[in-house]
């Protein structure tokens, strides 16, 4: 993969992941997820460690960008579909693991979080594929 495309895809994906995350989990559905917590208390930080949040998005955007390249995704639709499947598998697995070991949330939240993670990754994949196409090729080059 061309390093310029990797960096550009990573940066675009990071923006999409963070904006979506803020709008969906922090604004639109904060009350929903608050209603579906488990018995664990005091686990949320008063103020997020934003460097860690952005670092997470950077790493996940590298993953999405590489998977789009490796899968040969050649359009924005392919980028959305491939990244959404990746997001569903990744967050579904993590959410179920957390549910199995921790009292952070209930099964309703597990399903919702996995579905929302799939949409989040799908949108990031769409944006990454769009930028890859604007840079003189498709996401598979």
Protein backbone atom coordinates (compact mmCIF):
# COMPACT_ATOMS: atom_id res chain seq x y z
CA UNK A 1 0.00 0.00 0.00
CA UNK A 2 1.16 3.50 -0.85
CA UNK A 3 2.23 5.23 2.40
CA UNK A 4 0.44 8.45 1.41
CA UNK A 5 -2.84 6.56 1.06
CA UNK A 6 -2.29 4.77 4.36
CA UNK A 7 -1.71 8.07 6.16
CA UNK A 8 -4.62 9.80 4.42
CA UNK A 9 -6.98 6.88 5.05
CA UNK A 10 -5.89 6.74 8.67
CA UNK A 11 -6.49 10.46 9.22
CA UNK A 12 -9.88 10.46 7.47
CA UNK A 13 -10.94 7.34 9.34
CA UNK A 14 -9.85 8.84 12.66
CA UNK A 15 -12.02 11.91 12.08
CA UNK A 16 -15.04 9.81 11.11
CA UNK A 17 -14.65 7.41 14.04
CA UNK A 18 -14.33 10.26 16.56
CA UNK A 19 -17.15 12.43 15.19
CA UNK A 20 -19.51 9.46 14.93
CA UNK A 21 -18.52 8.23 18.39
CA UNK A 22 -19.17 11.61 19.96
CA UNK A 23 -22.50 12.14 18.17
CA UNK A 24 -23.87 8.64 18.75
CA UNK A 25 -22.55 7.49 22.12
CA UNK A 26 -22.03 10.82 23.87
CA UNK A 27 -24.96 12.82 22.49
CA UNK A 28 -27.77 10.81 20.88
CA UNK A 29 -27.71 7.55 22.84
CA UNK A 30 -26.04 8.43 26.13
CA UNK A 31 -29.32 7.97 28.03
CA UNK A 32 -30.01 4.66 26.29
CA UNK A 33 -26.66 3.22 27.30
CA UNK A 34 -26.98 4.69 30.81
CA UNK A 35 -30.22 2.71 31.14
CA UNK A 36 -28.48 -0.54 30.14
CA UNK A 37 -25.48 -0.58 32.46
CA UNK A 38 -24.61 -3.54 34.60
CA UNK A 39 -23.92 -3.51 38.30
CA UNK A 40 -20.38 -2.14 37.99
CA UNK A 41 -20.12 1.41 39.31
CA UNK A 42 -17.42 4.03 39.20
CA UNK A 43 -15.82 2.61 36.06
CA UNK A 44 -16.29 5.67 33.85
CA UNK A 45 -13.71 8.43 34.13
CA UNK A 46 -14.99 11.89 35.01
CA UNK A 47 -12.98 13.33 32.11
CA UNK A 48 -11.90 11.14 29.19
CA UNK A 49 -8.22 10.76 28.39
CA UNK A 50 -8.52 12.25 24.92
CA UNK A 51 -5.03 11.27 23.84
CA UNK A 52 -5.98 7.62 24.42
CA UNK A 53 -9.32 8.05 22.63
CA UNK A 54 -7.69 9.59 19.57
CA UNK A 55 -4.87 7.02 19.71
CA UNK A 56 -7.46 4.25 19.66
CA UNK A 57 -9.17 5.79 16.64
CA UNK A 58 -5.84 6.14 14.86
CA UNK A 59 -5.00 2.47 15.38
CA UNK A 60 -8.48 1.34 14.36
CA UNK A 61 -8.31 3.54 11.25
CA UNK A 62 -5.01 1.93 10.29
CA UNK A 63 -6.71 -1.46 10.68
CA UNK A 64 -9.69 -0.44 8.53
CA UNK A 65 -7.44 1.11 5.87
CA UNK A 66 -5.27 -2.00 5.68
CA UNK A 67 -8.25 -4.38 5.59
CA UNK A 68 -9.80 -2.38 2.75
CA UNK A 69 -6.53 -2.64 0.86
CA UNK A 70 -6.06 -6.34 1.57
CA UNK A 71 -9.66 -7.17 0.65
CA UNK A 72 -9.43 -5.37 -2.68
CA UNK A 73 -12.34 -3.06 -1.87
CA UNK A 74 -12.66 -0.96 -5.00
CA UNK A 75 -15.60 1.35 -4.32
CA UNK A 76 -17.21 3.32 -1.54
CA UNK A 77 -19.91 0.63 -1.28
CA UNK A 78 -17.23 -2.06 -0.93
CA UNK A 79 -15.46 0.09 1.66
CA UNK A 80 -18.65 0.47 3.66
CA UNK A 81 -19.56 -3.22 3.50
CA UNK A 82 -16.10 -4.57 4.29
CA UNK A 83 -15.51 -2.16 7.16
CA UNK A 84 -19.02 -2.71 8.57
CA UNK A 85 -18.44 -6.47 8.68
CA UNK A 86 -15.07 -5.85 10.35
CA UNK A 87 -16.74 -3.54 12.89
CA UNK A 88 -19.53 -5.99 13.68
CA UNK A 89 -17.11 -8.87 14.21
CA UNK A 90 -14.65 -6.80 16.21
CA UNK A 91 -17.12 -5.00 18.50
CA UNK A 92 -19.47 -7.97 18.75
CA UNK A 93 -16.55 -10.09 19.96
CA UNK A 94 -15.25 -7.46 22.37
CA UNK A 95 -18.74 -6.68 23.72
CA UNK A 96 -19.52 -10.36 24.30
CA UNK A 97 -16.15 -10.85 26.00
CA UNK A 98 -16.82 -7.87 28.27
CA UNK A 99 -20.35 -9.14 28.96
CA UNK A 100 -18.94 -12.55 29.86
CA UNK A 101 -16.40 -11.20 32.36
CA UNK A 102 -17.60 -7.76 33.51
CA UNK A 103 -20.76 -6.13 34.82
CA UNK A 104 -20.53 -3.12 32.54
CA UNK A 105 -23.75 -3.49 30.52
CA UNK A 106 -26.62 -5.82 29.67
CA UNK A 107 -27.24 -7.86 26.51
CA UNK A 108 -29.41 -5.12 25.00
CA UNK A 109 -26.40 -2.81 25.13
CA UNK A 110 -24.18 -5.58 23.72
CA UNK A 111 -26.34 -5.88 20.61
CA UNK A 112 -26.80 -2.14 20.20
CA UNK A 113 -23.11 -1.41 20.65
CA UNK A 114 -22.06 -4.07 18.14
CA UNK A 115 -24.58 -2.79 15.56
CA UNK A 116 -23.55 0.82 16.12
CA UNK A 117 -19.88 -0.18 15.89
CA UNK A 118 -20.61 -1.84 12.54
CA UNK A 119 -22.22 1.36 11.26
CA UNK A 120 -19.35 3.46 12.62
CA UNK A 121 -16.74 1.28 10.92
CA UNK A 122 -18.83 1.17 7.73
CA UNK A 123 -18.95 4.95 7.52
CA UNK A 124 -15.23 5.18 8.19
CA UNK A 125 -14.63 2.57 5.46
CA UNK A 126 -16.80 4.52 3.04
CA UNK A 127 -14.85 7.73 3.75
CA UNK A 128 -11.49 5.96 3.50
CA UNK A 129 -12.46 4.37 0.17
CA UNK A 130 -13.73 7.73 -1.11
CA UNK A 131 -10.46 9.44 -0.28
CA UNK A 132 -8.50 6.51 -1.71
CA UNK A 133 -10.41 6.92 -4.97
CA UNK A 134 -9.75 10.66 -5.05
CA UNK A 135 -6.03 10.02 -4.68
CA UNK A 136 -5.72 8.49 -8.12
CA UNK A 137 -7.08 5.00 -7.73
CA UNK A 138 -9.30 2.80 -5.67
CA UNK A 139 -8.95 1.41 -2.18
CA UNK A 140 -7.42 -1.81 -3.53
CA UNK A 141 -4.40 -0.23 -5.21
